[in-house]
Every structure is written in structure tokens, then in C-alpha cells.
C-alpha atoms as a PDB file:
ATOM      1  CA  UNK A   1     -75.106 -91.605 -43.540  1.00  0.00           C
ATOM      2  CA  UNK A   2     -77.371 -88.723 -42.657  1.00  0.00           C
ATOM      3  CA  UNK A   3     -76.012 -85.164 -42.690  1.00  0.00           C
ATOM      4  CA  UNK A   4     -77.484 -82.579 -40.337  1.00  0.00           C
ATOM      5  CA  UNK A   5     -78.625 -79.326 -41.913  1.00  0.00           C
ATOM      6  CA  UNK A   6     -78.818 -76.166 -39.801  1.00  0.00           C
ATOM      7  CA  UNK A   7     -82.060 -74.255 -40.238  1.00  0.00           C
ATOM      8  CA  UNK A   8     -83.497 -71.174 -38.621  1.00  0.00           C
ATOM      9  CA  UNK A   9     -87.058 -71.193 -37.328  1.00  0.00           C
ATOM     10  CA  UNK A  10     -89.333 -68.561 -38.864  1.00  0.00           C
ATOM     11  CA  UNK A  11     -92.584 -69.515 -37.151  1.00  0.00           C
ATOM     12  CA  UNK A  12     -94.166 -72.328 -35.176  1.00  0.00           C
ATOM     13  CA  UNK A  13     -97.193 -74.164 -36.516  1.00  0.00           C
ATOM     14  CA  UNK A  14     -99.544 -76.419 -34.585  1.00  0.00           C
ATOM     15  CA  UNK A  15    -100.983 -79.239 -36.626  1.00  0.00           C
ATOM     16  CA  UNK A  16    -102.758 -82.526 -36.104  1.00  0.00           C
ATOM     17  CA  UNK A  17     -99.341 -84.171 -36.664  1.00  0.00           C
ATOM     18  CA  UNK A  18     -97.857 -82.451 -33.608  1.00  0.00           C
ATOM     19  CA  UNK A  19     -95.458 -79.570 -33.194  1.00  0.00           C
ATOM     20  CA  UNK A  20     -93.993 -78.169 -36.428  1.00  0.00           C
ATOM     21  CA  UNK A  21     -92.125 -75.086 -37.590  1.00  0.00           C
ATOM     22  CA  UNK A  22     -91.478 -73.279 -40.833  1.00  0.00           C
ATOM     23  CA  UNK A  23     -87.695 -73.034 -41.174  1.00  0.00           C
ATOM     24  CA  UNK A  24     -85.202 -71.681 -43.715  1.00  0.00           C
ATOM     25  CA  UNK A  25     -81.897 -73.211 -44.703  1.00  0.00           C
ATOM     26  CA  UNK A  26     -78.759 -71.263 -45.656  1.00  0.00           C
ATOM     27  CA  UNK A  27     -79.915 -71.087 -49.297  1.00  0.00           C
ATOM     28  CA  UNK A  28     -83.198 -69.435 -48.298  1.00  0.00           C
ATOM     29  CA  UNK A  29     -85.350 -72.453 -49.074  1.00  0.00           C
ATOM     30  CA  UNK A  30     -88.287 -72.919 -46.691  1.00  0.00           C
ATOM     31  CA  UNK A  31     -89.112 -76.273 -45.072  1.00  0.00           C
ATOM     32  CA  UNK A  32     -91.854 -77.653 -42.829  1.00  0.00           C
ATOM     33  CA  UNK A  33     -89.906 -79.220 -39.936  1.00  0.00           C
ATOM     34  CA  UNK A  34     -91.125 -81.572 -37.200  1.00  0.00           C
ATOM     35  CA  UNK A  35     -90.173 -80.045 -33.811  1.00  0.00           C
ATOM     36  CA  UNK A  36     -91.612 -82.722 -31.540  1.00  0.00           C
ATOM     37  CA  UNK A  37     -88.134 -83.607 -30.158  1.00  0.00           C
ATOM     38  CA  UNK A  38     -87.214 -80.024 -29.210  1.00  0.00           C
ATOM     39  CA  UNK A  39     -90.608 -78.486 -28.465  1.00  0.00           C
ATOM     40  CA  UNK A  40     -91.911 -75.146 -29.642  1.00  0.00           C
ATOM     41  CA  UNK A  41     -89.131 -72.581 -30.140  1.00  0.00           C
ATOM     42  CA  UNK A  42     -89.204 -68.857 -30.851  1.00  0.00           C
ATOM     43  CA  UNK A  43     -88.549 -67.428 -34.314  1.00  0.00           C
ATOM     44  CA  UNK A  44     -84.833 -66.964 -34.956  1.00  0.00           C
ATOM     45  CA  UNK A  45     -83.775 -70.132 -33.135  1.00  0.00           C
ATOM     46  CA  UNK A  46     -81.250 -72.289 -35.009  1.00  0.00           C
ATOM     47  CA  UNK A  47     -81.902 -76.027 -35.085  1.00  0.00           C
ATOM     48  CA  UNK A  48     -79.993 -78.982 -36.515  1.00  0.00           C
ATOM     49  CA  UNK A  49     -82.318 -80.974 -38.736  1.00  0.00           C
ATOM     50  CA  UNK A  50     -82.145 -84.518 -40.034  1.00  0.00           C
ATOM     51  CA  UNK A  51     -84.714 -85.752 -42.546  1.00  0.00           C
ATOM     52  CA  UNK A  52     -87.032 -82.783 -41.875  1.00  0.00           C
ATOM     53  CA  UNK A  53     -86.930 -83.299 -38.114  1.00  0.00           C
ATOM     54  CA  UNK A  54     -85.293 -80.849 -35.702  1.00  0.00           C
ATOM     55  CA  UNK A  55     -83.126 -82.910 -33.361  1.00  0.00           C
ATOM     56  CA  UNK A  56     -81.160 -80.235 -31.499  1.00  0.00           C
ATOM     57  CA  UNK A  57     -81.185 -76.522 -30.712  1.00  0.00           C
ATOM     58  CA  UNK A  58     -77.821 -75.042 -31.727  1.00  0.00           C
ATOM     59  CA  UNK A  59     -76.016 -71.727 -31.261  1.00  0.00           C
ATOM     60  CA  UNK A  60     -75.557 -69.160 -34.005  1.00  0.00           C
ATOM     61  CA  UNK A  61     -71.828 -70.002 -34.090  1.00  0.00           C
ATOM     62  CA  UNK A  62     -72.485 -73.737 -34.453  1.00  0.00           C
ATOM     63  CA  UNK A  63     -74.993 -73.068 -37.234  1.00  0.00           C
ATOM     64  CA  UNK A  64     -72.625 -70.825 -39.188  1.00  0.00           C
ATOM     65  CA  UNK A  65     -69.643 -73.188 -38.747  1.00  0.00           C
ATOM     66  CA  UNK A  66     -71.722 -76.101 -40.012  1.00  0.00           C
ATOM     67  CA  UNK A  67     -73.062 -74.059 -42.939  1.00  0.00           C
ATOM     68  CA  UNK A  68     -69.473 -73.209 -43.920  1.00  0.00           C
ATOM     69  CA  UNK A  69     -68.432 -76.879 -43.705  1.00  0.00           C
ATOM     70  CA  UNK A  70     -71.377 -77.897 -45.908  1.00  0.00           C
ATOM     71  CA  UNK A  71     -70.504 -75.130 -48.380  1.00  0.00           C
ATOM     72  CA  UNK A  72     -66.897 -76.401 -48.439  1.00  0.00           C
ATOM     73  CA  UNK A  73     -68.143 -79.917 -49.235  1.00  0.00           C
ATOM     74  CA  UNK A  74     -70.259 -78.542 -52.061  1.00  0.00           C
ATOM     75  CA  UNK A  75     -67.273 -76.557 -53.399  1.00  0.00           C
ATOM     76  CA  UNK A  76     -65.024 -79.652 -53.332  1.00  0.00           C
ATOM     77  CA  UNK A  77     -67.610 -81.668 -55.268  1.00  0.00           C
ATOM     78  CA  UNK A  78     -67.662 -78.917 -57.911  1.00  0.00           C
ATOM     79  CA  UNK A  79     -63.868 -78.631 -58.045  1.00  0.00           C
ATOM     80  CA  UNK A  80     -63.895 -75.149 -56.521  1.00  0.00           C
ATOM     81  CA  UNK A  81     -61.780 -73.544 -53.793  1.00  0.00           C
ATOM     82  CA  UNK A  82     -62.814 -74.183 -50.197  1.00  0.00           C
ATOM     83  CA  UNK A  83     -59.866 -72.924 -48.113  1.00  0.00           C
ATOM     84  CA  UNK A  84     -61.512 -69.553 -47.414  1.00  0.00           C
ATOM     85  CA  UNK A  85     -64.285 -71.397 -45.557  1.00  0.00           C
ATOM     86  CA  UNK A  86     -61.748 -72.770 -43.059  1.00  0.00           C
ATOM     87  CA  UNK A  87     -59.680 -69.609 -42.508  1.00  0.00           C
ATOM     88  CA  UNK A  88     -59.482 -70.324 -38.759  1.00  0.00           C
ATOM     89  CA  UNK A  89     -57.755 -73.665 -39.461  1.00  0.00           C
ATOM     90  CA  UNK A  90     -55.412 -72.815 -42.348  1.00  0.00           C
ATOM     91  CA  UNK A  91     -52.539 -71.147 -40.460  1.00  0.00           C
ATOM     92  CA  UNK A  92     -52.294 -73.443 -37.444  1.00  0.00           C
ATOM     93  CA  UNK A  93     -51.426 -76.996 -36.579  1.00  0.00           C
ATOM     94  CA  UNK A  94     -54.309 -79.345 -35.842  1.00  0.00           C
ATOM     95  CA  UNK A  95     -54.865 -80.053 -32.155  1.00  0.00           C
ATOM     96  CA  UNK A  96     -56.046 -83.237 -30.520  1.00  0.00           C
ATOM     97  CA  UNK A  97     -58.879 -83.026 -28.002  1.00  0.00           C
ATOM     98  CA  UNK A  98     -57.616 -83.032 -24.402  1.00  0.00           C
ATOM     99  CA  UNK A  99     -58.712 -86.620 -23.765  1.00  0.00           C
ATOM    100  CA  UNK A 100     -56.488 -87.835 -26.638  1.00  0.00           C
ATOM    101  CA  UNK A 101     -53.359 -85.877 -25.762  1.00  0.00           C
ATOM    102  CA  UNK A 102     -50.312 -87.889 -24.688  1.00  0.00           C
ATOM    103  CA  UNK A 103     -50.059 -86.355 -21.211  1.00  0.00           C
ATOM    104  CA  UNK A 104     -53.546 -87.664 -20.395  1.00  0.00           C
ATOM    105  CA  UNK A 105     -52.714 -91.247 -21.314  1.00  0.00           C
ATOM    106  CA  UNK A 106     -51.290 -93.186 -18.394  1.00  0.00           C
ATOM    107  CA  UNK A 107     -48.548 -95.707 -19.271  1.00  0.00           C
ATOM    108  CA  UNK A 108     -50.024 -98.378 -17.003  1.00  0.00           C
ATOM    109  CA  UNK A 109     -53.157 -98.411 -19.146  1.00  0.00           C
ATOM    110  CA  UNK A 110     -51.111 -98.997 -22.278  1.00  0.00           C
ATOM    111  CA  UNK A 111     -49.246-102.128 -21.099  1.00  0.00           C
ATOM    112  CA  UNK A 112     -50.395-105.456 -22.400  1.00  0.00           C
ATOM    113  CA  UNK A 113     -50.408-108.455 -20.129  1.00  0.00           C
ATOM    114  CA  UNK A 114     -48.096-111.195 -21.454  1.00  0.00           C
ATOM    115  CA  UNK A 115     -47.720-109.681 -24.933  1.00  0.00           C
ATOM    116  CA  UNK A 116     -45.373-112.490 -26.070  1.00  0.00           C
ATOM    117  CA  UNK A 117     -47.464-115.341 -24.664  1.00  0.00           C
ATOM    118  CA  UNK A 118     -47.637-118.175 -27.159  1.00  0.00           C
ATOM    119  CA  UNK A 119     -50.867-119.957 -27.723  1.00  0.00           C
ATOM    120  CA  UNK A 120     -50.558-123.703 -28.092  1.00  0.00           C
ATOM    121  CA  UNK A 121     -53.216-125.639 -29.845  1.00  0.00           C
ATOM    122  CA  UNK A 122     -54.138-129.064 -28.456  1.00  0.00           C
ATOM    123  CA  UNK A 123     -53.639-130.760 -31.830  1.00  0.00           C
ATOM    124  CA  UNK A 124     -49.975-129.593 -32.013  1.00  0.00           C
ATOM    125  CA  UNK A 125     -48.924-131.066 -28.666  1.00  0.00           C
END
């Protein structure tokens, strides 16, 4: 499995290998990122990267939410507290997306045709 890492573009760089950018992750480490899939972007733009390739332009909110989730994962692996990173989820019940809620499921789509139908095998007849 590949985990996306949010990074913020500091500057674009043209090279013989195509479009690239110098980006920083949440820990301040700088990376040379391939931006061929998203094109040249201005400094300050957040991108989701996979294996040193920017695959998607993301909002500041998306970047910070993902950074918090990754920090929570790191905390869990070290046996540390992570609840503070999910403060918006702690005091509420989880909610299903609209397309999975019961009122959106139509009963006629849930019925099976001949659910008790027995299958006979030719060798048992």
C-alpha cells in the first residue's frame, strides 16, 4: 500500500526530466517532486505526493487533516496519545455517507430472486 504525503511547493524547477518542484513536508524536510501530472504550480500550493510524484492539488484543509491523520498513526506506533488529533470526531457519533444511509437504499434493490431455490445436481437425480 502506498500512503500519500501532503507537501507544499516552495519553487518550480525545469529540468531535462520534465516539470519538477522543490517541496516541504510537515516535518520541514525538502524533496524534489515530479509535477508532470499536475503541471507547474505556484509556491504555497499543497499537493498530495506518492513516491516523490505529485498526483493531486489539495486544499489547505485537506493537507492539514491528512497531516494530522499521519501524525496520529505515528503516535499510535509509538504508543502515544492520538485523540487530540481527532478532536472533531471525539464527541460525536460516526456518520455514514449519504449514499450508504438506510433511507437511500430502496427495498426492491435488496430483494433476492428465489432465495430458497434448491440447486439439484445431475448426479443426485
